[in-house]
Amino acid sequence: MDTVRMERDSMGELAVPADALYGAQTQRAVQNFPVSGQRLPEDFIRALLLAKLAAARANVALGQLTAEQGDAIAAACRQLLDDAALMTHFPLDVYQTGSGTSSNMNANEVIATLASRVLGSAVSANDHVNCAQSSNDTIPSAIHIAAALALREQLLPALQHLQQITQAKALQVGHHVKTGRTHLMDAMPVRLGQSLNGWAQQIAANLGRLQQLRPGLLQLAQGGTAVGTGINADPRFAARFCAELQALTGLAFAPAPDYFAAMGAQDTAVALSGQLRTTAVSLMKIANDLRWMNSGPLAGLGEIELEALQPGSSIMPGKVNPVIPEAVCMVAAQVIGLDAAVAVAGQSGNFELNVMLPLIASNLLSSIALLASASRLLADKAIAGFSVNEARLQQALARNPILVTALNPVIGYARAAEIAKQAYREGRAIIDVAAENTGLDRDELARLLDPARLTHGGL
C-alpha cells in the first residue's frame, strides 16, 4: 500500500500511484485506455501547458483568479515546461476519449498538484486550473498551438535548409548534361542543374503553401468552452488569452471568428495534414529520382554516386545501398497514411464537437517531425554529397537516338523517326546514322545534335 495513495473525483475514490503528480481522473483514463502504449507527442503536451499558463494569466487579469492562485499555476506550468523528466506524469494513450478530456484533466491535475505545493494551499484542477475553459475548446486550441510552433521550429527551417542545399548543389554540378527521361525511357537531354532546380522549386512551393496555412492555425477555439457559446467564461477571456499566449510564444494568436466551426470541425488541421501529404509526395519524388540516378553502379543508370554510408548487404560484400532516399520514402509513405487517418478524423465532427481530436494531434505532429527529420537527412546525407559520373553521362548521351528530335525542323518527323529506329537497331551513334541518311554536313549535324545546346530549348 506504500506504492499508492487514495484520490477522489466525482465518481468516487481510486488508488493512484503514490509518486504520481496526477489524480483520479487521469488514473481512470490510464485504466480505461490501455490501447497502444503510444502517448501523445511531447510537443502537444507542451502546447497544452502553454495554454494553461496563458489562461491563468488571463483569469488573473480578469479577476477570476487571485494573483496568488494565478502565480502558483504559472509557476507549475513553468516547472513542467522546463523539466523534461516531468513528462512521465502525462501517461495517457493517444486512443482515449475523443474530445481529449482525459488529457485536459491530466494537465489540470498535474498542474494543480504542483501549484498547491507552491501556494501552500489547495489549487483545484477544475475550478482554478481549468477556469473559463473546457476540454472542448482547450484541446482544439492546443492542436493549433502545437502545430504552429512545430512548423516554425521544425519543418519550415528544415525545408528551407533542403531548398538551399539543393540550389547550392545545382550550382556546383549544374553544368553536367545528362539524358532526360520520360516514362523512364530516354528523352531529350537536360542539365543536371535543371533537374536539381526543379526539386528546389518543389520544396519552395511546399514552403509557400505551408506558410499560407499558418494564419488559420493562429485562430483558436479557446473561449467557446463547452459547446461554442462561451458559457462560464468572461466575454473578454478569449482575447486576453490570445494576448498572453502571443507574449509567451511570439505568434499572433487570435480568437477564431466562429467557435462553433472551430470546435465542431477540424478543417484547418485537415488542410494542414493534406499539405504535409503533398510535401511527403515531393520528398518521395526527389528521393526516387536519386535512387534511379544512383542505380547500378554497373547494371543501372550509374549517373551519380551517393555517399557510401554503411554496408548494404549481410551476404554480398561491397554492396552499398541508397539508404537515405529509402528512409525518406518510408517517411513519405507513413505521412501519407497518417493523413488518411486525419481525413477520417476530420469527418468526425458531430454537431458541436469533433471527437477524434487526440488522433489528429498525434498524427499532425508526427508528420511534421518526420518530414523535418527526413528533409535534413535528404539534404545533408544525400544531395549535398553525391558525385557525378561524367563518363557515364557522356556515354549515354552519345548513343541516345532521341537526339534526332532536334532534326525535326530540318528533315521532318517521319525521316527523323526512321533514323532513330536505325540507330536503335544497329546500336550506332545518331550522328553517324544521320550523316548517312540526311546529306547534312557532319559539322552542321554536330551543332544541331549537341546535347548541351539542346538543353537550352528553342529552334
Protein backbone atom coordinates (compact mmCIF):
# COMPACT_ATOMS: atom_id res chain seq x y z
CA MET A 1 0.00 0.00 0.00
CA ASP A 2 3.01 2.31 0.25
CA THR A 3 3.09 2.48 -3.55
CA VAL A 4 -0.37 4.02 -3.91
CA ARG A 5 -2.46 6.77 -2.41
CA MET A 6 -6.21 7.29 -2.50
CA GLU A 7 -7.67 10.12 -4.58
CA ARG A 8 -11.29 11.17 -5.05
CA ASP A 9 -13.19 12.62 -8.01
CA SER A 10 -16.92 12.95 -8.80
CA MET A 11 -17.15 9.17 -9.35
CA GLY A 12 -15.60 8.23 -6.01
CA GLU A 13 -12.27 7.04 -4.64
CA LEU A 14 -9.49 5.47 -6.66
CA ALA A 15 -5.96 4.26 -5.92
CA VAL A 16 -3.28 6.32 -7.69
CA PRO A 17 0.48 5.66 -7.78
CA ALA A 18 1.98 7.35 -4.74
CA ASP A 19 4.55 9.33 -6.69
CA ALA A 20 2.20 10.43 -9.48
CA LEU A 21 1.50 14.15 -9.80
CA TYR A 22 -1.88 13.41 -11.40
CA GLY A 23 -5.09 12.40 -9.69
CA ALA A 24 -8.13 10.18 -10.01
CA GLN A 25 -9.38 11.29 -13.44
CA THR A 26 -6.04 10.61 -15.06
CA GLN A 27 -5.80 7.24 -13.34
CA ARG A 28 -9.25 6.27 -14.61
CA ALA A 29 -8.09 7.08 -18.16
CA VAL A 30 -4.91 5.02 -17.67
CA GLN A 31 -7.09 2.06 -16.73
CA ASN A 32 -9.75 2.68 -19.39
CA PHE A 33 -7.47 3.10 -22.41
CA PRO A 34 -4.66 0.51 -22.43
CA VAL A 35 -4.77 0.57 -26.24
CA SER A 36 -1.39 1.22 -27.85
CA GLY A 37 1.11 2.41 -25.30
CA GLN A 38 1.61 5.39 -27.63
CA ARG A 39 1.49 8.66 -25.74
CA LEU A 40 0.52 12.00 -27.19
CA PRO A 41 3.58 13.84 -28.55
CA GLU A 42 5.51 15.95 -26.08
CA ASP A 43 5.00 18.95 -28.37
CA PHE A 44 1.26 18.64 -27.81
CA ILE A 45 1.65 18.41 -24.03
CA ARG A 46 3.88 21.46 -24.07
CA ALA A 47 1.30 23.38 -26.10
CA LEU A 48 -1.37 22.36 -23.60
CA LEU A 49 0.81 23.65 -20.75
CA LEU A 50 1.32 26.94 -22.58
CA ALA A 51 -2.45 27.21 -22.92
CA LYS A 52 -2.91 26.63 -19.18
CA LEU A 53 -0.26 29.24 -18.41
CA ALA A 54 -1.90 31.81 -20.69
CA ALA A 55 -5.32 31.02 -19.23
CA ALA A 56 -4.06 31.55 -15.69
CA ARG A 57 -2.62 34.93 -16.58
CA ALA A 58 -5.80 35.94 -18.37
CA ASN A 59 -8.01 34.86 -15.48
CA VAL A 60 -5.93 36.87 -13.00
CA ALA A 61 -6.20 39.94 -15.21
CA LEU A 62 -9.97 39.47 -15.44
CA GLY A 63 -10.41 38.89 -11.70
CA GLN A 64 -11.42 35.24 -12.00
CA LEU A 65 -8.39 34.01 -10.04
CA THR A 66 -6.41 35.65 -7.28
CA ALA A 67 -2.92 36.78 -8.13
CA GLU A 68 -1.57 34.14 -5.76
CA GLN A 69 -3.53 31.35 -7.45
CA GLY A 70 -2.53 32.53 -10.90
CA ASP A 71 1.13 32.84 -9.96
CA ALA A 72 1.13 29.35 -8.47
CA ILE A 73 -0.44 27.87 -11.62
CA ALA A 74 2.02 29.78 -13.80
CA ALA A 75 4.95 28.55 -11.70
CA ALA A 76 3.71 24.96 -12.01
CA CYS A 77 3.41 25.30 -15.79
CA ARG A 78 6.91 26.77 -15.99
CA GLN A 79 8.31 23.90 -13.94
CA LEU A 80 6.70 21.36 -16.25
CA LEU A 81 7.89 23.16 -19.37
CA ASP A 82 11.45 23.42 -18.06
CA ASP A 83 11.89 19.86 -16.75
CA ALA A 84 11.52 17.19 -19.45
CA ALA A 85 11.67 14.46 -16.81
CA LEU A 86 8.22 15.51 -15.59
CA MET A 87 6.68 14.41 -18.91
CA THR A 88 6.40 10.95 -17.31
CA HIS A 89 3.35 12.33 -15.47
CA PHE A 90 1.47 12.58 -18.80
CA PRO A 91 0.98 8.84 -19.43
CA LEU A 92 -2.25 8.74 -21.43
CA ASP A 93 -2.72 6.80 -24.63
CA VAL A 94 -3.48 8.60 -27.89
CA TYR A 95 -6.56 6.41 -28.23
CA GLN A 96 -8.72 7.83 -25.46
CA THR A 97 -11.89 9.85 -25.16
CA GLY A 98 -12.30 11.64 -28.49
CA SER A 99 -12.56 15.12 -27.01
CA GLY A 100 -9.21 14.76 -25.28
CA THR A 101 -10.92 15.35 -21.92
CA SER A 102 -8.64 12.80 -20.31
CA SER A 103 -5.51 14.67 -21.43
CA ASN A 104 -7.00 18.03 -20.44
CA MET A 105 -7.73 16.71 -16.95
CA ASN A 106 -4.31 15.07 -16.80
CA ALA A 107 -2.76 18.50 -17.32
CA ASN A 108 -5.17 20.13 -14.89
CA GLU A 109 -4.40 17.58 -12.16
CA VAL A 110 -0.62 17.69 -12.56
CA ILE A 111 -0.59 21.49 -12.59
CA ALA A 112 -2.93 21.62 -9.58
CA THR A 113 -0.64 19.33 -7.57
CA LEU A 114 2.45 21.42 -8.26
CA ALA A 115 0.59 24.72 -7.85
CA SER A 116 -0.77 23.60 -4.48
CA ARG A 117 2.79 22.95 -3.33
CA VAL A 118 3.84 26.41 -4.48
CA LEU A 119 0.85 28.15 -2.89
CA GLY A 120 0.80 26.10 0.31
CA SER A 121 -2.95 25.55 -0.02
CA ALA A 122 -5.26 23.68 -2.35
CA VAL A 123 -5.46 24.67 -6.00
CA SER A 124 -8.37 22.95 -7.77
CA ALA A 125 -7.83 21.17 -11.05
CA ASN A 126 -11.33 22.08 -12.25
CA ASP A 127 -12.21 25.35 -10.53
CA HIS A 128 -8.81 27.05 -10.83
CA VAL A 129 -6.54 25.45 -13.44
CA ASN A 130 -9.49 24.85 -15.78
CA CYS A 131 -11.17 28.19 -15.05
CA ALA A 132 -13.03 29.61 -18.10
CA GLN A 133 -12.05 26.55 -20.12
CA SER A 134 -13.44 23.25 -21.35
CA SER A 135 -11.65 20.31 -22.89
CA ASN A 136 -13.81 21.08 -25.92
CA ASP A 137 -12.11 24.39 -26.66
CA THR A 138 -8.75 23.76 -24.99
CA ILE A 139 -7.79 20.62 -26.93
CA PRO A 140 -8.59 22.07 -30.39
CA SER A 141 -6.62 25.17 -29.37
CA ALA A 142 -3.67 23.07 -28.20
CA ILE A 143 -3.65 21.28 -31.57
CA HIS A 144 -3.34 24.62 -33.36
CA ILE A 145 -0.74 25.94 -30.92
CA ALA A 146 1.40 22.81 -31.16
CA ALA A 147 1.20 22.67 -34.95
CA ALA A 148 2.01 26.36 -35.37
CA LEU A 149 5.05 26.05 -33.11
CA ALA A 150 6.22 22.81 -34.74
CA LEU A 151 6.01 24.39 -38.18
CA ARG A 152 8.00 27.41 -37.06
CA GLU A 153 10.63 25.49 -35.11
CA GLN A 154 10.94 22.21 -37.02
CA LEU A 155 9.51 21.80 -40.51
CA LEU A 156 9.83 25.21 -42.13
CA PRO A 157 13.54 25.58 -41.22
CA ALA A 158 14.20 22.01 -42.38
CA LEU A 159 12.54 22.58 -45.75
CA GLN A 160 14.37 25.88 -46.17
CA HIS A 161 17.62 24.02 -45.50
CA LEU A 162 16.73 21.36 -48.06
CA GLN A 163 15.92 24.02 -50.66
CA GLN A 164 19.18 25.86 -50.02
CA ILE A 165 21.32 22.71 -50.17
CA THR A 166 19.61 21.63 -53.39
CA GLN A 167 20.14 25.02 -55.00
CA ALA A 168 23.78 25.03 -53.92
CA LYS A 169 24.28 21.57 -55.41
CA ALA A 170 22.64 22.76 -58.62
CA LEU A 171 25.26 25.49 -58.88
CA GLN A 172 28.04 23.01 -58.18
CA VAL A 173 27.08 20.29 -60.68
CA GLY A 174 24.57 22.09 -62.86
CA HIS A 175 26.80 22.18 -65.95
CA HIS A 176 26.73 18.41 -66.41
CA VAL A 177 24.45 17.30 -69.25
CA LYS A 178 22.54 14.04 -68.89
CA THR A 179 19.92 12.06 -70.75
CA GLY A 180 16.46 13.24 -69.82
CA ARG A 181 13.84 10.60 -69.18
CA THR A 182 10.09 10.43 -69.61
CA HIS A 183 8.20 7.21 -68.85
CA LEU A 184 11.63 6.03 -67.54
CA MET A 185 12.71 5.98 -71.21
CA ASP A 186 15.44 8.03 -72.88
CA ALA A 187 14.33 11.51 -73.85
CA MET A 188 15.94 14.80 -74.81
CA PRO A 189 18.98 15.90 -72.75
CA VAL A 190 18.81 18.10 -69.69
CA ARG A 191 21.38 19.77 -67.47
CA LEU A 192 21.74 18.33 -64.02
CA GLY A 193 21.17 21.83 -62.67
CA GLN A 194 17.77 21.90 -64.34
CA SER A 195 16.78 18.69 -62.56
CA LEU A 196 18.00 19.90 -59.17
CA ASN A 197 16.42 23.32 -59.54
CA GLY A 198 13.17 21.52 -60.34
CA TRP A 199 13.47 19.74 -56.98
CA ALA A 200 14.27 23.02 -55.24
CA GLN A 201 11.17 24.61 -56.76
CA GLN A 202 9.03 21.73 -55.49
CA ILE A 203 10.30 22.42 -51.99
CA ALA A 204 9.80 26.17 -52.37
CA ALA A 205 6.21 25.60 -53.46
CA ASN A 206 5.56 23.40 -50.43
CA LEU A 207 7.05 26.06 -48.18
CA GLY A 208 4.73 28.63 -49.71
CA ARG A 209 1.64 26.50 -49.24
CA LEU A 210 2.55 25.75 -45.62
CA GLN A 211 3.04 29.45 -44.97
CA GLN A 212 -0.42 30.13 -46.39
CA LEU A 213 -1.95 27.79 -43.81
CA ARG A 214 -0.30 29.44 -40.81
CA PRO A 215 -2.89 32.24 -40.34
CA GLY A 216 -5.62 29.63 -39.91
CA LEU A 217 -3.58 27.83 -37.27
CA LEU A 218 -3.29 31.05 -35.30
CA GLN A 219 -7.08 31.23 -34.91
CA LEU A 220 -8.04 29.44 -31.70
CA ALA A 221 -11.20 27.85 -30.35
CA GLN A 222 -10.32 28.97 -26.83
CA GLY A 223 -13.25 30.91 -25.40
CA GLY A 224 -16.00 28.68 -26.80
CA THR A 225 -15.89 26.46 -23.67
CA ALA A 226 -18.41 23.59 -23.70
CA VAL A 227 -20.36 23.97 -26.94
CA GLY A 228 -19.20 27.21 -28.53
CA THR A 229 -21.36 29.64 -26.57
CA GLY A 230 -18.61 30.61 -24.12
CA ILE A 231 -20.56 29.56 -21.04
CA ASN A 232 -18.67 30.17 -17.74
CA ALA A 233 -16.03 32.33 -19.42
CA ASP A 234 -15.66 36.11 -19.18
CA PRO A 235 -16.51 37.55 -22.63
CA ARG A 236 -13.09 39.19 -22.61
CA PHE A 237 -11.29 35.94 -21.82
CA ALA A 238 -10.56 34.75 -25.38
CA ALA A 239 -8.88 37.96 -26.49
CA ARG A 240 -6.88 38.23 -23.28
CA PHE A 241 -5.88 34.56 -23.52
CA CYS A 242 -4.55 35.07 -27.05
CA ALA A 243 -2.64 38.19 -25.98
CA GLU A 244 -0.99 36.26 -23.16
CA LEU A 245 -0.19 33.36 -25.49
CA GLN A 246 1.35 35.73 -28.02
CA ALA A 247 3.59 37.12 -25.28
CA LEU A 248 4.70 33.58 -24.44
CA THR A 249 5.31 32.35 -27.99
CA GLY A 250 5.79 35.35 -30.25
CA LEU A 251 2.99 34.12 -32.51
CA ALA A 252 -0.01 36.35 -33.25
CA PHE A 253 -2.80 34.09 -31.98
CA ALA A 254 -6.36 35.39 -32.15
CA PRO A 255 -9.84 34.11 -31.25
CA ALA A 256 -11.43 32.08 -34.03
CA PRO A 257 -14.09 34.06 -35.94
CA ASP A 258 -16.64 31.36 -35.08
CA TYR A 259 -16.25 28.97 -32.15
CA PHE A 260 -18.83 26.54 -33.50
CA ALA A 261 -16.74 25.95 -36.62
CA ALA A 262 -13.50 25.82 -34.63
CA MET A 263 -14.84 23.19 -32.22
CA GLY A 264 -17.30 21.20 -34.32
CA ALA A 265 -14.85 20.80 -37.21
CA GLN A 266 -11.11 20.46 -37.67
CA ASP A 267 -10.88 21.77 -41.21
CA THR A 268 -7.67 23.74 -40.66
CA ALA A 269 -5.93 20.68 -39.23
CA VAL A 270 -7.20 18.58 -42.15
CA ALA A 271 -5.90 21.15 -44.62
CA LEU A 272 -2.51 21.21 -42.91
CA SER A 273 -2.34 17.42 -42.94
CA GLY A 274 -3.15 17.45 -46.65
CA GLN A 275 -0.28 19.85 -47.31
CA LEU A 276 2.02 17.67 -45.23
CA ARG A 277 0.98 14.80 -47.50
CA THR A 278 1.84 16.91 -50.56
CA THR A 279 5.24 17.68 -49.05
CA ALA A 280 5.76 13.96 -48.47
CA VAL A 281 4.91 13.28 -52.12
CA SER A 282 7.53 15.84 -53.20
CA LEU A 283 10.18 14.28 -50.98
CA MET A 284 9.38 10.83 -52.35
CA LYS A 285 9.73 12.10 -55.93
CA ILE A 286 13.14 13.58 -55.18
CA ALA A 287 14.28 10.50 -53.24
CA ASN A 288 13.23 8.17 -56.04
CA ASP A 289 15.00 10.30 -58.67
CA LEU A 290 18.16 9.99 -56.60
CA ARG A 291 17.73 6.22 -56.31
CA TRP A 292 17.33 5.82 -60.07
CA MET A 293 20.25 8.09 -60.91
CA ASN A 294 22.41 6.21 -58.40
CA SER A 295 21.29 2.76 -59.56
CA GLY A 296 23.94 0.27 -60.57
CA PRO A 297 26.73 1.03 -60.33
CA LEU A 298 27.29 -1.15 -63.41
CA ALA A 299 23.91 -2.51 -64.49
CA GLY A 300 21.84 0.57 -63.65
CA LEU A 301 21.94 4.20 -64.72
CA GLY A 302 25.02 4.98 -62.65
CA GLU A 303 24.79 8.72 -63.37
CA ILE A 304 25.66 9.75 -59.82
CA GLU A 305 27.17 8.10 -56.79
CA LEU A 306 25.58 8.75 -53.43
CA GLU A 307 27.80 8.92 -50.39
CA ALA A 308 28.56 5.44 -49.03
CA LEU A 309 27.16 5.41 -45.50
CA GLN A 310 27.06 1.73 -44.49
CA PRO A 311 27.48 -1.78 -45.86
CA GLY A 312 24.48 -2.70 -47.97
CA SER A 313 24.25 -6.43 -47.52
CA SER A 314 24.88 -9.10 -44.94
CA ILE A 315 25.81 -11.59 -47.68
CA MET A 316 27.05 -9.59 -50.71
CA PRO A 317 30.43 -7.98 -49.93
CA GLY A 318 30.99 -4.49 -51.28
CA LYS A 319 27.34 -3.72 -51.87
CA VAL A 320 26.25 -0.18 -50.95
CA ASN A 321 22.61 0.91 -51.00
CA PRO A 322 20.85 4.30 -51.24
CA VAL A 323 19.78 4.14 -47.59
CA ILE A 324 18.87 7.80 -47.07
CA PRO A 325 16.48 8.02 -50.04
CA GLU A 326 14.94 4.73 -48.89
CA ALA A 327 14.37 6.11 -45.39
CA VAL A 328 12.85 9.27 -46.87
CA CYS A 329 10.47 7.19 -48.98
CA MET A 330 9.33 5.30 -45.88
CA VAL A 331 8.73 8.59 -44.07
CA ALA A 332 6.68 9.79 -47.03
CA ALA A 333 4.60 6.62 -47.04
CA GLN A 334 3.93 6.99 -43.31
CA VAL A 335 2.90 10.64 -43.64
CA ILE A 336 0.53 9.76 -46.48
CA GLY A 337 -1.05 7.12 -44.25
CA LEU A 338 -1.28 9.47 -41.27
CA ASP A 339 -3.04 12.00 -43.48
CA ALA A 340 -5.65 9.42 -44.48
CA ALA A 341 -6.43 8.90 -40.78
CA VAL A 342 -6.65 12.66 -40.22
CA ALA A 343 -9.11 12.94 -43.10
CA VAL A 344 -11.34 10.32 -41.48
CA ALA A 345 -10.93 12.02 -38.11
CA GLY A 346 -11.87 15.38 -39.60
CA GLN A 347 -15.19 13.90 -40.68
CA SER A 348 -15.94 13.00 -37.07
CA GLY A 349 -17.26 16.38 -36.08
CA ASN A 350 -20.67 15.59 -34.67
CA PHE A 351 -22.72 18.74 -34.08
CA GLU A 352 -20.71 20.94 -31.67
CA LEU A 353 -17.57 18.83 -31.22
CA ASN A 354 -15.08 16.76 -33.17
CA VAL A 355 -14.44 13.52 -31.28
CA MET A 356 -11.15 12.33 -32.77
CA LEU A 357 -9.02 15.20 -31.50
CA PRO A 358 -6.18 13.18 -29.90
CA LEU A 359 -5.65 11.25 -33.12
CA ILE A 360 -5.50 14.48 -35.13
CA ALA A 361 -3.00 15.95 -32.67
CA SER A 362 -0.79 12.88 -32.72
CA ASN A 363 -0.78 12.43 -36.49
CA LEU A 364 -0.21 16.09 -37.33
CA LEU A 365 2.75 16.43 -35.00
CA SER A 366 4.18 13.07 -36.00
CA SER A 367 4.03 14.07 -39.68
CA ILE A 368 5.69 17.42 -39.01
CA ALA A 369 8.51 15.81 -37.01
CA LEU A 370 9.05 13.02 -39.55
CA LEU A 371 9.17 15.39 -42.52
CA ALA A 372 11.53 17.76 -40.71
CA SER A 373 13.99 14.97 -39.93
CA ALA A 374 13.73 13.43 -43.39
CA SER A 375 14.28 16.79 -45.10
CA ARG A 376 17.52 17.41 -43.25
CA LEU A 377 18.76 13.87 -43.91
CA LEU A 378 17.96 14.16 -47.60
CA ALA A 379 19.79 17.47 -47.80
CA ASP A 380 22.88 16.62 -45.78
CA LYS A 381 23.43 12.91 -46.43
CA ALA A 382 22.19 12.51 -50.00
CA ILE A 383 22.04 15.69 -52.08
CA ALA A 384 24.99 17.59 -50.63
CA GLY A 385 27.48 14.78 -51.03
CA PHE A 386 26.74 12.92 -54.26
CA SER A 387 29.31 12.84 -57.05
CA VAL A 388 28.64 12.86 -60.80
CA ASN A 389 29.79 10.11 -63.15
CA GLU A 390 30.57 12.30 -66.16
CA ALA A 391 31.89 9.45 -68.29
CA ARG A 392 28.64 7.53 -67.85
CA LEU A 393 26.61 10.60 -68.74
CA GLN A 394 28.56 11.17 -71.93
CA GLN A 395 28.37 7.51 -72.92
CA ALA A 396 24.60 7.51 -72.67
CA LEU A 397 24.25 10.84 -74.48
CA ALA A 398 26.39 9.72 -77.40
CA ARG A 399 24.16 6.70 -78.01
CA ASN A 400 20.82 8.43 -77.44
CA PRO A 401 18.80 8.27 -80.71
CA ILE A 402 16.21 10.64 -79.25
CA LEU A 403 18.64 13.47 -80.04
CA VAL A 404 17.28 13.19 -83.57
CA THR A 405 14.31 15.24 -82.33
CA ALA A 406 16.49 18.29 -83.00
CA LEU A 407 16.42 17.44 -86.72
CA ASN A 408 12.60 17.54 -86.96
CA PRO A 409 12.51 21.17 -88.21
CA VAL A 410 15.13 20.32 -90.86
CA ILE A 411 14.15 16.87 -92.19
CA GLY A 412 10.70 16.28 -90.72
CA TYR A 413 9.37 13.93 -88.06
CA ALA A 414 8.95 10.87 -90.34
CA ARG A 415 12.55 10.84 -91.67
CA ALA A 416 13.87 11.56 -88.16
CA ALA A 417 11.90 8.58 -86.81
CA GLU A 418 13.46 6.27 -89.41
CA ILE A 419 16.95 7.47 -88.49
CA ALA A 420 16.21 6.90 -84.78
CA LYS A 421 14.93 3.37 -85.45
CA GLN A 422 18.03 2.52 -87.48
CA ALA A 423 20.29 3.86 -84.73
CA TYR A 424 18.44 1.73 -82.16
CA ARG A 425 18.54 -1.32 -84.40
CA GLU A 426 22.23 -1.06 -85.22
CA GLY A 427 23.40 0.28 -81.85
CA ARG A 428 25.14 3.21 -83.50
CA ALA A 429 25.56 6.86 -82.63
CA ILE A 430 22.78 9.04 -84.02
CA ILE A 431 25.21 11.44 -85.71
CA ASP A 432 26.69 8.61 -87.77
CA VAL A 433 23.31 7.36 -88.99
CA ALA A 434 22.10 10.93 -89.65
CA ALA A 435 25.20 11.70 -91.70
CA GLU A 436 24.46 8.72 -93.95
CA ASN A 437 20.77 9.49 -94.42
CA THR A 438 20.30 13.27 -94.49
CA GLY A 439 23.05 14.71 -96.65
CA LEU A 440 23.69 17.29 -93.93
CA ASP A 441 27.27 18.33 -93.29
CA ARG A 442 28.75 16.49 -90.29
CA ASP A 443 29.79 19.77 -88.64
CA GLU A 444 26.21 21.04 -89.00
CA LEU A 445 24.89 17.77 -87.55
CA ALA A 446 27.31 18.09 -84.64
CA ARG A 447 25.94 21.56 -83.98
CA LEU A 448 22.29 20.53 -84.30
CA LEU A 449 22.74 17.42 -82.15
CA ASP A 450 24.95 18.98 -79.46
CA PRO A 451 23.33 17.84 -76.18
CA ALA A 452 24.42 20.93 -74.25
CA ARG A 453 22.83 23.23 -76.85
CA LEU A 454 19.63 21.21 -76.78
CA THR A 455 19.18 21.78 -73.05
CA HIS A 456 18.50 25.46 -73.81
CA GLY A 457 15.44 24.67 -75.90
CA GLY A 458 14.22 26.70 -78.85
CA LEU A 459 14.90 26.04 -82.56
